[in-house]
Amino acid sequence: IFTSRNARELSVSQRQCRFTHEGDVLMFSPVYSYNLCRIECRMRFAF
């Protein structure tokens, strides 16, 4: 699945997805992926 250039200009809440460079929401990774987000969620749950 790929996202068009026009959709890239939308916010995350509008397109309901994140690009790799949008890793600011993660605390332990400079890049974003769905599995990296779940891993951090598992860390919070473990703690």
ModelCIF file with pLDDT and N, C-alpha, C, O atoms, coordinates in Angstrom:
data_MODEL
#
_entry.id   MODEL 
#
_entity.id                         1 
_entity.type                       polymer 
_entity.pdbx_number_of_molecules   1 
#
_entity_poly.entity_id                      1 
_entity_poly.type                           'polypeptide(L)' 
_entity_poly.nstd_linkage                   no 
_entity_poly.nstd_monomer                   no 
_entity_poly.pdbx_seq_one_letter_code       IFTSRNARELSVSQRQCRFTHEGDVLMFSPVYSYNLCRIECRMRFAF 
_entity_poly.pdbx_seq_one_letter_code_can   IFTSRNARELSVSQRQCRFTHEGDVLMFSPVYSYNLCRIECRMRFAF 
_entity_poly.pdbx_strand_id                 A 
#
loop_
_entity_poly_seq.entity_id 
_entity_poly_seq.num 
_entity_poly_seq.mon_id 
_entity_poly_seq.hetero 
1 1  ILE n 
1 2  PHE n 
1 3  THR n 
1 4  SER n 
1 5  ARG n 
1 6  ASN n 
1 7  ALA n 
1 8  ARG n 
1 9  GLU n 
1 10 LEU n 
1 11 SER n 
1 12 VAL n 
1 13 SER n 
1 14 GLN n 
1 15 ARG n 
1 16 GLN n 
1 17 CYS n 
1 18 ARG n 
1 19 PHE n 
1 20 THR n 
1 21 HIS n 
1 22 GLU n 
1 23 GLY n 
1 24 ASP n 
1 25 VAL n 
1 26 LEU n 
1 27 MET n 
1 28 PHE n 
1 29 SER n 
1 30 PRO n 
1 31 VAL n 
1 32 TYR n 
1 33 SER n 
1 34 TYR n 
1 35 ASN n 
1 36 LEU n 
1 37 CYS n 
1 38 ARG n 
1 39 ILE n 
1 40 GLU n 
1 41 CYS n 
1 42 ARG n 
1 43 MET n 
1 44 ARG n 
1 45 PHE n 
1 46 ALA n 
1 47 PHE n 
#
_struct_asym.id          A 
_struct_asym.entity_id   1 
#
loop_
_ma_qa_metric.id 
_ma_qa_metric.mode 
_ma_qa_metric.name 
_ma_qa_metric.software_group_id 
_ma_qa_metric.type 
1 global pLDDT . pLDDT 
2 local  pLDDT . pLDDT 
#
_ma_qa_metric_global.metric_id      1 
_ma_qa_metric_global.metric_value   92.85 
_ma_qa_metric_global.model_id       1 
_ma_qa_metric_global.ordinal_id     1 
#
loop_
_ma_qa_metric_local.label_asym_id 
_ma_qa_metric_local.label_comp_id 
_ma_qa_metric_local.label_seq_id 
_ma_qa_metric_local.metric_id 
_ma_qa_metric_local.metric_value 
_ma_qa_metric_local.model_id 
_ma_qa_metric_local.ordinal_id 
A ILE 1  2 94.00 1 1  
A PHE 2  2 93.00 1 2  
A THR 3  2 93.00 1 3  
A SER 4  2 90.00 1 4  
A ARG 5  2 88.00 1 5  
A ASN 6  2 88.00 1 6  
A ALA 7  2 89.00 1 7  
A ARG 8  2 88.00 1 8  
A GLU 9  2 87.00 1 9  
A LEU 10 2 89.00 1 10 
A SER 11 2 90.00 1 11 
A VAL 12 2 91.00 1 12 
A SER 13 2 89.00 1 13 
A GLN 14 2 91.00 1 14 
A ARG 15 2 90.00 1 15 
A GLN 16 2 91.00 1 16 
A CYS 17 2 93.00 1 17 
A ARG 18 2 94.00 1 18 
A PHE 19 2 94.00 1 19 
A THR 20 2 93.00 1 20 
A HIS 21 2 92.00 1 21 
A GLU 22 2 92.00 1 22 
A GLY 23 2 90.00 1 23 
A ASP 24 2 92.00 1 24 
A VAL 25 2 93.00 1 25 
A LEU 26 2 95.00 1 26 
A MET 27 2 94.00 1 27 
A PHE 28 2 95.00 1 28 
A SER 29 2 95.00 1 29 
A PRO 30 2 95.00 1 30 
A VAL 31 2 95.00 1 31 
A TYR 32 2 96.00 1 32 
A SER 33 2 95.00 1 33 
A TYR 34 2 96.00 1 34 
A ASN 35 2 96.00 1 35 
A LEU 36 2 96.00 1 36 
A CYS 37 2 95.00 1 37 
A ARG 38 2 95.00 1 38 
A ILE 39 2 96.00 1 39 
A GLU 40 2 95.00 1 40 
A CYS 41 2 95.00 1 41 
A ARG 42 2 95.00 1 42 
A MET 43 2 95.00 1 43 
A ARG 44 2 94.00 1 44 
A PHE 45 2 94.00 1 45 
A ALA 46 2 94.00 1 46 
A PHE 47 2 94.00 1 47 
#
loop_
_atom_site.group_PDB 
_atom_site.id 
_atom_site.type_symbol 
_atom_site.label_atom_id 
_atom_site.label_alt_id 
_atom_site.label_comp_id 
_atom_site.label_asym_id 
_atom_site.label_entity_id 
_atom_site.label_seq_id 
_atom_site.pdbx_PDB_ins_code 
_atom_site.Cartn_x 
_atom_site.Cartn_y 
_atom_site.Cartn_z 
_atom_site.occupancy 
_atom_site.B_iso_or_equiv 
_atom_site.pdbx_formal_charge 
_atom_site.auth_seq_id 
_atom_site.auth_comp_id 
_atom_site.auth_asym_id 
_atom_site.auth_atom_id 
_atom_site.pdbx_PDB_model_num 
ATOM 1   N N  . ILE A 1 1  ? 0.848  -1.181 0.000  1.00 94.00 ? 1  ILE A N  1 
ATOM 2   C CA . ILE A 1 1  ? 0.000  0.000  0.000  1.00 94.00 ? 1  ILE A CA 1 
ATOM 3   C C  . ILE A 1 1  ? 0.888  1.236  0.000  1.00 94.00 ? 1  ILE A C  1 
ATOM 4   O O  . ILE A 1 1  ? 1.864  1.315  0.745  1.00 94.00 ? 1  ILE A O  1 
ATOM 5   N N  . PHE A 1 2  ? 0.533  2.205  -0.851 1.00 93.00 ? 2  PHE A N  1 
ATOM 6   C CA . PHE A 1 2  ? 1.305  3.437  -0.957 1.00 93.00 ? 2  PHE A CA 1 
ATOM 7   C C  . PHE A 1 2  ? 0.373  4.631  -0.839 1.00 93.00 ? 2  PHE A C  1 
ATOM 8   O O  . PHE A 1 2  ? -0.806 4.551  -1.182 1.00 93.00 ? 2  PHE A O  1 
ATOM 9   N N  . THR A 1 3  ? 0.918  5.746  -0.347 1.00 93.00 ? 3  THR A N  1 
ATOM 10  C CA . THR A 1 3  ? 0.146  6.966  -0.135 1.00 93.00 ? 3  THR A CA 1 
ATOM 11  C C  . THR A 1 3  ? 0.570  8.006  -1.155 1.00 93.00 ? 3  THR A C  1 
ATOM 12  O O  . THR A 1 3  ? 1.763  8.222  -1.364 1.00 93.00 ? 3  THR A O  1 
ATOM 13  N N  . SER A 1 4  ? -0.398 8.652  -1.790 1.00 90.00 ? 4  SER A N  1 
ATOM 14  C CA . SER A 1 4  ? -0.117 9.636  -2.829 1.00 90.00 ? 4  SER A CA 1 
ATOM 15  C C  . SER A 1 4  ? 0.488  10.906 -2.236 1.00 90.00 ? 4  SER A C  1 
ATOM 16  O O  . SER A 1 4  ? 0.443  11.121 -1.025 1.00 90.00 ? 4  SER A O  1 
ATOM 17  N N  . ARG A 1 5  ? 1.050  11.737 -3.098 1.00 88.00 ? 5  ARG A N  1 
ATOM 18  C CA . ARG A 1 5  ? 1.657  12.991 -2.648 1.00 88.00 ? 5  ARG A CA 1 
ATOM 19  C C  . ARG A 1 5  ? 0.619  13.929 -2.052 1.00 88.00 ? 5  ARG A C  1 
ATOM 20  O O  . ARG A 1 5  ? 0.900  14.629 -1.079 1.00 88.00 ? 5  ARG A O  1 
ATOM 21  N N  . ASN A 1 6  ? -0.572 13.948 -2.626 1.00 88.00 ? 6  ASN A N  1 
ATOM 22  C CA . ASN A 1 6  ? -1.618 14.831 -2.093 1.00 88.00 ? 6  ASN A CA 1 
ATOM 23  C C  . ASN A 1 6  ? -1.995 14.439 -0.675 1.00 88.00 ? 6  ASN A C  1 
ATOM 24  O O  . ASN A 1 6  ? -2.191 15.305 0.179  1.00 88.00 ? 6  ASN A O  1 
ATOM 25  N N  . ALA A 1 7  ? -2.096 13.138 -0.416 1.00 89.00 ? 7  ALA A N  1 
ATOM 26  C CA . ALA A 1 7  ? -2.480 12.678 0.926  1.00 89.00 ? 7  ALA A CA 1 
ATOM 27  C C  . ALA A 1 7  ? -1.379 12.911 1.949  1.00 89.00 ? 7  ALA A C  1 
ATOM 28  O O  . ALA A 1 7  ? -1.654 12.963 3.148  1.00 89.00 ? 7  ALA A O  1 
ATOM 29  N N  . ARG A 1 8  ? -0.137 13.052 1.498  1.00 88.00 ? 8  ARG A N  1 
ATOM 30  C CA . ARG A 1 8  ? 0.963  13.294 2.424  1.00 88.00 ? 8  ARG A CA 1 
ATOM 31  C C  . ARG A 1 8  ? 0.823  14.638 3.132  1.00 88.00 ? 8  ARG A C  1 
ATOM 32  O O  . ARG A 1 8  ? 1.352  14.825 4.228  1.00 88.00 ? 8  ARG A O  1 
ATOM 33  N N  . GLU A 1 9  ? 0.107  15.578 2.501  1.00 87.00 ? 9  GLU A N  1 
ATOM 34  C CA . GLU A 1 9  ? -0.046 16.911 3.089  1.00 87.00 ? 9  GLU A CA 1 
ATOM 35  C C  . GLU A 1 9  ? -1.078 16.933 4.206  1.00 87.00 ? 9  GLU A C  1 
ATOM 36  O O  . GLU A 1 9  ? -1.163 17.922 4.934  1.00 87.00 ? 9  GLU A O  1 
ATOM 37  N N  . LEU A 1 10 ? -1.862 15.876 4.363  1.00 89.00 ? 10 LEU A N  1 
ATOM 38  C CA . LEU A 1 10 ? -2.866 15.824 5.412  1.00 89.00 ? 10 LEU A CA 1 
ATOM 39  C C  . LEU A 1 10 ? -2.216 15.528 6.755  1.00 89.00 ? 10 LEU A C  1 
ATOM 40  O O  . LEU A 1 10 ? -1.077 15.066 6.815  1.00 89.00 ? 10 LEU A O  1 
ATOM 41  N N  . SER A 1 11 ? -2.944 15.796 7.830  1.00 90.00 ? 11 SER A N  1 
ATOM 42  C CA . SER A 1 11 ? -2.457 15.463 9.159  1.00 90.00 ? 11 SER A CA 1 
ATOM 43  C C  . SER A 1 11 ? -2.596 13.970 9.410  1.00 90.00 ? 11 SER A C  1 
ATOM 44  O O  . SER A 1 11 ? -3.265 13.266 8.654  1.00 90.00 ? 11 SER A O  1 
ATOM 45  N N  . VAL A 1 12 ? -1.962 13.489 10.476 1.00 91.00 ? 12 VAL A N  1 
ATOM 46  C CA . VAL A 1 12 ? -2.020 12.062 10.810 1.00 91.00 ? 12 VAL A CA 1 
ATOM 47  C C  . VAL A 1 12 ? -3.444 11.638 11.125 1.00 91.00 ? 12 VAL A C  1 
ATOM 48  O O  . VAL A 1 12 ? -3.859 10.549 10.731 1.00 91.00 ? 12 VAL A O  1 
ATOM 49  N N  . SER A 1 13 ? -4.202 12.474 11.829 1.00 89.00 ? 13 SER A N  1 
ATOM 50  C CA . SER A 1 13 ? -5.583 12.123 12.175 1.00 89.00 ? 13 SER A CA 1 
ATOM 51  C C  . SER A 1 13 ? -6.469 12.050 10.942 1.00 89.00 ? 13 SER A C  1 
ATOM 52  O O  . SER A 1 13 ? -7.477 11.344 10.948 1.00 89.00 ? 13 SER A O  1 
ATOM 53  N N  . GLN A 1 14 ? -6.108 12.768 9.884  1.00 91.00 ? 14 GLN A N  1 
ATOM 54  C CA . GLN A 1 14 ? -6.910 12.730 8.672  1.00 91.00 ? 14 GLN A CA 1 
ATOM 55  C C  . GLN A 1 14 ? -6.597 11.501 7.828  1.00 91.00 ? 14 GLN A C  1 
ATOM 56  O O  . GLN A 1 14 ? -7.511 10.816 7.368  1.00 91.00 ? 14 GLN A O  1 
ATOM 57  N N  . ARG A 1 15 ? -5.300 11.214 7.618  1.00 90.00 ? 15 ARG A N  1 
ATOM 58  C CA . ARG A 1 15 ? -4.967 10.071 6.768  1.00 90.00 ? 15 ARG A CA 1 
ATOM 59  C C  . ARG A 1 15 ? -4.916 8.759  7.527  1.00 90.00 ? 15 ARG A C  1 
ATOM 60  O O  . ARG A 1 15 ? -4.859 7.695  6.910  1.00 90.00 ? 15 ARG A O  1 
ATOM 61  N N  . GLN A 1 16 ? -4.934 8.810  8.868  1.00 91.00 ? 16 GLN A N  1 
ATOM 62  C CA . GLN A 1 16 ? -4.963 7.607  9.705  1.00 91.00 ? 16 GLN A CA 1 
ATOM 63  C C  . GLN A 1 16 ? -3.765 6.697  9.455  1.00 91.00 ? 16 GLN A C  1 
ATOM 64  O O  . GLN A 1 16 ? -3.908 5.475  9.423  1.00 91.00 ? 16 GLN A O  1 
ATOM 65  N N  . CYS A 1 17 ? -2.611 7.275  9.282  1.00 93.00 ? 17 CYS A N  1 
ATOM 66  C CA . CYS A 1 17 ? -1.374 6.503  9.107  1.00 93.00 ? 17 CYS A CA 1 
ATOM 67  C C  . CYS A 1 17 ? -0.200 7.435  9.381  1.00 93.00 ? 17 CYS A C  1 
ATOM 68  O O  . CYS A 1 17 ? -0.365 8.651  9.481  1.00 93.00 ? 17 CYS A O  1 
ATOM 69  N N  . ARG A 1 18 ? 0.986  6.845  9.499  1.00 94.00 ? 18 ARG A N  1 
ATOM 70  C CA . ARG A 1 18 ? 2.205  7.626  9.734  1.00 94.00 ? 18 ARG A CA 1 
ATOM 71  C C  . ARG A 1 18 ? 3.300  7.170  8.779  1.00 94.00 ? 18 ARG A C  1 
ATOM 72  O O  . ARG A 1 18 ? 3.380  6.003  8.395  1.00 94.00 ? 18 ARG A O  1 
ATOM 73  N N  . PHE A 1 19 ? 4.142  8.135  8.408  1.00 94.00 ? 19 PHE A N  1 
ATOM 74  C CA . PHE A 1 19 ? 5.315  7.828  7.610  1.00 94.00 ? 19 PHE A CA 1 
ATOM 75  C C  . PHE A 1 19 ? 6.493  7.510  8.532  1.00 94.00 ? 19 PHE A C  1 
ATOM 76  O O  . PHE A 1 19 ? 6.456  7.785  9.731  1.00 94.00 ? 19 PHE A O  1 
ATOM 77  N N  . THR A 1 20 ? 7.524  6.933  7.952  1.00 93.00 ? 20 THR A N  1 
ATOM 78  C CA . THR A 1 20 ? 8.675  6.505  8.750  1.00 93.00 ? 20 THR A CA 1 
ATOM 79  C C  . THR A 1 20 ? 9.338  7.672  9.464  1.00 93.00 ? 20 THR A C  1 
ATOM 80  O O  . THR A 1 20 ? 9.798  7.517  10.595 1.00 93.00 ? 20 THR A O  1 
ATOM 81  N N  . HIS A 1 21 ? 9.397  8.831  8.831  1.00 92.00 ? 21 HIS A N  1 
ATOM 82  C CA . HIS A 1 21 ? 10.095 9.972  9.442  1.00 92.00 ? 21 HIS A CA 1 
ATOM 83  C C  . HIS A 1 21 ? 9.292  10.614 10.574 1.00 92.00 ? 21 HIS A C  1 
ATOM 84  O O  . HIS A 1 21 ? 9.812  11.494 11.260 1.00 92.00 ? 21 HIS A O  1 
ATOM 85  N N  . GLU A 1 22 ? 8.055  10.204 10.788 1.00 92.00 ? 22 GLU A N  1 
ATOM 86  C CA . GLU A 1 22 ? 7.218  10.803 11.827 1.00 92.00 ? 22 GLU A CA 1 
ATOM 87  C C  . GLU A 1 22 ? 7.355  10.024 13.133 1.00 92.00 ? 22 GLU A C  1 
ATOM 88  O O  . GLU A 1 22 ? 6.373  9.535  13.691 1.00 92.00 ? 22 GLU A O  1 
ATOM 89  N N  . GLY A 1 23 ? 8.599  9.922  13.606 1.00 90.00 ? 23 GLY A N  1 
ATOM 90  C CA . GLY A 1 23 ? 8.874  9.144  14.808 1.00 90.00 ? 23 GLY A CA 1 
ATOM 91  C C  . GLY A 1 23 ? 8.864  9.962  16.081 1.00 90.00 ? 23 GLY A C  1 
ATOM 92  O O  . GLY A 1 23 ? 9.325  9.493  17.122 1.00 90.00 ? 23 GLY A O  1 
ATOM 93  N N  . ASP A 1 24 ? 8.341  11.187 16.016 1.00 92.00 ? 24 ASP A N  1 
ATOM 94  C CA . ASP A 1 24 ? 8.335  12.036 17.208 1.00 92.00 ? 24 ASP A CA 1 
ATOM 95  C C  . ASP A 1 24 ? 7.420  11.501 18.299 1.00 92.00 ? 24 ASP A C  1 
ATOM 96  O O  . ASP A 1 24 ? 7.586  11.862 19.464 1.00 92.00 ? 24 ASP A O  1 
ATOM 97  N N  . VAL A 1 25 ? 6.456  10.648 17.953 1.00 93.00 ? 25 VAL A N  1 
ATOM 98  C CA . VAL A 1 25 ? 5.531  10.115 18.964 1.00 93.00 ? 25 VAL A CA 1 
ATOM 99  C C  . VAL A 1 25 ? 6.147  8.951  19.730 1.00 93.00 ? 25 VAL A C  1 
ATOM 100 O O  . VAL A 1 25 ? 5.604  8.534  20.752 1.00 93.00 ? 25 VAL A O  1 
ATOM 101 N N  . LEU A 1 26 ? 7.261  8.423  19.259 1.00 95.00 ? 26 LEU A N  1 
ATOM 102 C CA . LEU A 1 26 ? 7.908  7.301  19.925 1.00 95.00 ? 26 LEU A CA 1 
ATOM 103 C C  . LEU A 1 26 ? 9.029  7.801  20.829 1.00 95.00 ? 26 LEU A C  1 
ATOM 104 O O  . LEU A 1 26 ? 9.732  8.756  20.495 1.00 95.00 ? 26 LEU A O  1 
ATOM 105 N N  . MET A 1 27 ? 9.186  7.151  21.966 1.00 94.00 ? 27 MET A N  1 
ATOM 106 C CA . MET A 1 27 ? 10.172 7.581  22.957 1.00 94.00 ? 27 MET A CA 1 
ATOM 107 C C  . MET A 1 27 ? 11.502 6.864  22.797 1.00 94.00 ? 27 MET A C  1 
ATOM 108 O O  . MET A 1 27 ? 12.528 7.356  23.265 1.00 94.00 ? 27 MET A O  1 
ATOM 109 N N  . PHE A 1 28 ? 11.500 5.688  22.131 1.00 95.00 ? 28 PHE A N  1 
ATOM 110 C CA . PHE A 1 28 ? 12.728 4.890  22.064 1.00 95.00 ? 28 PHE A CA 1 
ATOM 111 C C  . PHE A 1 28 ? 13.190 4.622  20.634 1.00 95.00 ? 28 PHE A C  1 
ATOM 112 O O  . PHE A 1 28 ? 14.016 3.737  20.411 1.00 95.00 ? 28 PHE A O  1 
ATOM 113 N N  . SER A 1 29 ? 12.674 5.371  19.666 1.00 95.00 ? 29 SER A N  1 
ATOM 114 C CA . SER A 1 29 ? 13.091 5.175  18.283 1.00 95.00 ? 29 SER A CA 1 
ATOM 115 C C  . SER A 1 29 ? 13.002 6.495  17.536 1.00 95.00 ? 29 SER A C  1 
ATOM 116 O O  . SER A 1 29 ? 12.044 7.244  17.726 1.00 95.00 ? 29 SER A O  1 
ATOM 117 N N  . PRO A 1 30 ? 13.998 6.800  16.677 1.00 95.00 ? 30 PRO A N  1 
ATOM 118 C CA . PRO A 1 30 ? 13.924 8.030  15.885 1.00 95.00 ? 30 PRO A CA 1 
ATOM 119 C C  . PRO A 1 30 ? 13.024 7.903  14.668 1.00 95.00 ? 30 PRO A C  1 
ATOM 120 O O  . PRO A 1 30 ? 12.720 8.911  14.030 1.00 95.00 ? 30 PRO A O  1 
ATOM 121 N N  . VAL A 1 31 ? 12.587 6.689  14.324 1.00 95.00 ? 31 VAL A N  1 
ATOM 122 C CA . VAL A 1 31 ? 11.708 6.466  13.182 1.00 95.00 ? 31 VAL A CA 1 
ATOM 123 C C  . VAL A 1 31 ? 10.440 5.758  13.668 1.00 95.00 ? 31 VAL A C  1 
ATOM 124 O O  . VAL A 1 31 ? 10.396 5.194  14.762 1.00 95.00 ? 31 VAL A O  1 
ATOM 125 N N  . TYR A 1 32 ? 9.413  5.808  12.817 1.00 96.00 ? 32 TYR A N  1 
ATOM 126 C CA . TYR A 1 32 ? 8.132  5.212  13.188 1.00 96.00 ? 32 TYR A CA 1 
ATOM 127 C C  . TYR A 1 32 ? 7.835  3.996  12.326 1.00 96.00 ? 32 TYR A C  1 
ATOM 128 O O  . TYR A 1 32 ? 8.125  3.976  11.130 1.00 96.00 ? 32 TYR A O  1 
ATOM 129 N N  . SER A 1 33 ? 7.257  2.995  12.948 1.00 95.00 ? 33 SER A N  1 
ATOM 130 C CA . SER A 1 33 ? 6.597  1.897  12.248 1.00 95.00 ? 33 SER A CA 1 
ATOM 131 C C  . SER A 1 33 ? 5.518  1.349  13.169 1.00 95.00 ? 33 SER A C  1 
ATOM 132 O O  . SER A 1 33 ? 5.555  1.568  14.380 1.00 95.00 ? 33 SER A O  1 
ATOM 133 N N  . TYR A 1 34 ? 4.582  0.655  12.606 1.00 96.00 ? 34 TYR A N  1 
ATOM 134 C CA . TYR A 1 34 ? 3.472  0.119  13.402 1.00 96.00 ? 34 TYR A CA 1 
ATOM 135 C C  . TYR A 1 34 ? 3.982  -0.847 14.463 1.00 96.00 ? 34 TYR A C  1 
ATOM 136 O O  . TYR A 1 34 ? 3.529  -0.804 15.607 1.00 96.00 ? 34 TYR A O  1 
ATOM 137 N N  . ASN A 1 35 ? 4.929  -1.725 14.094 1.00 96.00 ? 35 ASN A N  1 
ATOM 138 C CA . ASN A 1 35 ? 5.461  -2.675 15.071 1.00 96.00 ? 35 ASN A CA 1 
ATOM 139 C C  . ASN A 1 35 ? 6.294  -1.991 16.151 1.00 96.00 ? 35 ASN A C  1 
ATOM 140 O O  . ASN A 1 35 ? 6.254  -2.404 17.311 1.00 96.00 ? 35 ASN A O  1 
ATOM 141 N N  . LEU A 1 36 ? 7.047  -0.954 15.791 1.00 96.00 ? 36 LEU A N  1 
ATOM 142 C CA . LEU A 1 36 ? 7.798  -0.209 16.799 1.00 96.00 ? 36 LEU A CA 1 
ATOM 143 C C  . LEU A 1 36 ? 6.854  0.454  17.801 1.00 96.00 ? 36 LEU A C  1 
ATOM 144 O O  . LEU A 1 36 ? 7.151  0.525  18.994 1.00 96.00 ? 36 LEU A O  1 
ATOM 145 N N  . CYS A 1 37 ? 5.728  0.930  17.312 1.00 95.00 ? 37 CYS A N  1 
ATOM 146 C CA . CYS A 1 37 ? 4.733  1.533  18.205 1.00 95.00 ? 37 CYS A CA 1 
ATOM 147 C C  . CYS A 1 37 ? 4.157  0.481  19.155 1.00 95.00 ? 37 CYS A C  1 
ATOM 148 O O  . CYS A 1 37 ? 3.973  0.755  20.341 1.00 95.00 ? 37 CYS A O  1 
ATOM 149 N N  . ARG A 1 38 ? 3.872  -0.714 18.645 1.00 95.00 ? 38 ARG A N  1 
ATOM 150 C CA . ARG A 1 38 ? 3.356  -1.783 19.503 1.00 95.00 ? 38 ARG A CA 1 
ATOM 151 C C  . ARG A 1 38 ? 4.411  -2.236 20.516 1.00 95.00 ? 38 ARG A C  1 
ATOM 152 O O  . ARG A 1 38 ? 4.074  -2.585 21.647 1.00 95.00 ? 38 ARG A O  1 
ATOM 153 N N  . ILE A 1 39 ? 5.664  -2.230 20.122 1.00 96.00 ? 39 ILE A N  1 
ATOM 154 C CA . ILE A 1 39 ? 6.738  -2.606 21.045 1.00 96.00 ? 39 ILE A CA 1 
ATOM 155 C C  . ILE A 1 39 ? 6.802  -1.616 22.206 1.00 96.00 ? 39 ILE A C  1 
ATOM 156 O O  . ILE A 1 39 ? 6.934  -2.024 23.360 1.00 96.00 ? 39 ILE A O  1 
ATOM 157 N N  . GLU A 1 40 ? 6.707  -0.315 21.910 1.00 95.00 ? 40 GLU A N  1 
ATOM 158 C CA . GLU A 1 40 ? 6.708  0.669  22.996 1.00 95.00 ? 40 GLU A CA 1 
ATOM 159 C C  . GLU A 1 40 ? 5.459  0.541  23.859 1.00 95.00 ? 40 GLU A C  1 
ATOM 160 O O  . GLU A 1 40 ? 5.516  0.748  25.071 1.00 95.00 ? 40 GLU A O  1 
ATOM 161 N N  . CYS A 1 41 ? 4.345  0.204  23.247 1.00 95.00 ? 41 CYS A N  1 
ATOM 162 C CA . CYS A 1 41 ? 3.125  -0.030 24.027 1.00 95.00 ? 41 CYS A CA 1 
ATOM 163 C C  . CYS A 1 41 ? 3.315  -1.227 24.957 1.00 95.00 ? 41 CYS A C  1 
ATOM 164 O O  . CYS A 1 41 ? 2.843  -1.215 26.094 1.00 95.00 ? 41 CYS A O  1 
ATOM 165 N N  . ARG A 1 42 ? 3.999  -2.251 24.479 1.00 95.00 ? 42 ARG A N  1 
ATOM 166 C CA . ARG A 1 42 ? 4.274  -3.429 25.318 1.00 95.00 ? 42 ARG A CA 1 
ATOM 167 C C  . ARG A 1 42 ? 5.223  -3.064 26.457 1.00 95.00 ? 42 ARG A C  1 
ATOM 168 O O  . ARG A 1 42 ? 5.108  -3.603 27.557 1.00 95.00 ? 42 ARG A O  1 
ATOM 169 N N  . MET A 1 43 ? 6.152  -2.158 26.200 1.00 95.00 ? 43 MET A N  1 
ATOM 170 C CA . MET A 1 43 ? 7.042  -1.697 27.269 1.00 95.00 ? 43 MET A CA 1 
ATOM 171 C C  . MET A 1 43 ? 6.247  -0.991 28.366 1.00 95.00 ? 43 MET A C  1 
ATOM 172 O O  . MET A 1 43 ? 6.458  -1.235 29.554 1.00 95.00 ? 43 MET A O  1 
ATOM 173 N N  . ARG A 1 44 ? 5.335  -0.119 27.956 1.00 94.00 ? 44 ARG A N  1 
ATOM 174 C CA . ARG A 1 44 ? 4.515  0.595  28.956 1.00 94.00 ? 44 ARG A CA 1 
ATOM 175 C C  . ARG A 1 44 ? 3.663  -0.386 29.752 1.00 94.00 ? 44 ARG A C  1 
ATOM 176 O O  . ARG A 1 44 ? 3.502  -0.234 30.963 1.00 94.00 ? 44 ARG A O  1 
ATOM 177 N N  . PHE A 1 45 ? 3.119  -1.394 29.069 1.00 94.00 ? 45 PHE A N  1 
ATOM 178 C CA . PHE A 1 45 ? 2.276  -2.371 29.752 1.00 94.00 ? 45 PHE A CA 1 
ATOM 179 C C  . PHE A 1 45 ? 3.102  -3.217 30.712 1.00 94.00 ? 45 PHE A C  1 
ATOM 180 O O  . PHE A 1 45 ? 2.645  -3.525 31.813 1.00 94.00 ? 45 PHE A O  1 
ATOM 181 N N  . ALA A 1 46 ? 4.319  -3.597 30.306 1.00 94.00 ? 46 ALA A N  1 
ATOM 182 C CA . ALA A 1 46 ? 5.196  -4.374 31.179 1.00 94.00 ? 46 ALA A CA 1 
ATOM 183 C C  . ALA A 1 46 ? 5.549  -3.582 32.434 1.00 94.00 ? 46 ALA A C  1 
ATOM 184 O O  . ALA A 1 46 ? 5.564  -4.128 33.537 1.00 94.00 ? 46 ALA A O  1 
ATOM 185 N N  . PHE A 1 47 ? 5.832  -2.298 32.260 1.00 94.00 ? 47 PHE A N  1 
ATOM 186 C CA . PHE A 1 47 ? 6.161  -1.470 33.422 1.00 94.00 ? 47 PHE A CA 1 
ATOM 187 C C  . PHE A 1 47 ? 4.950  -1.306 34.336 1.00 94.00 ? 47 PHE A C  1 
ATOM 188 O O  . PHE A 1 47 ? 5.041  -0.639 35.367 1.00 94.00 ? 47 PHE A O  1 
#
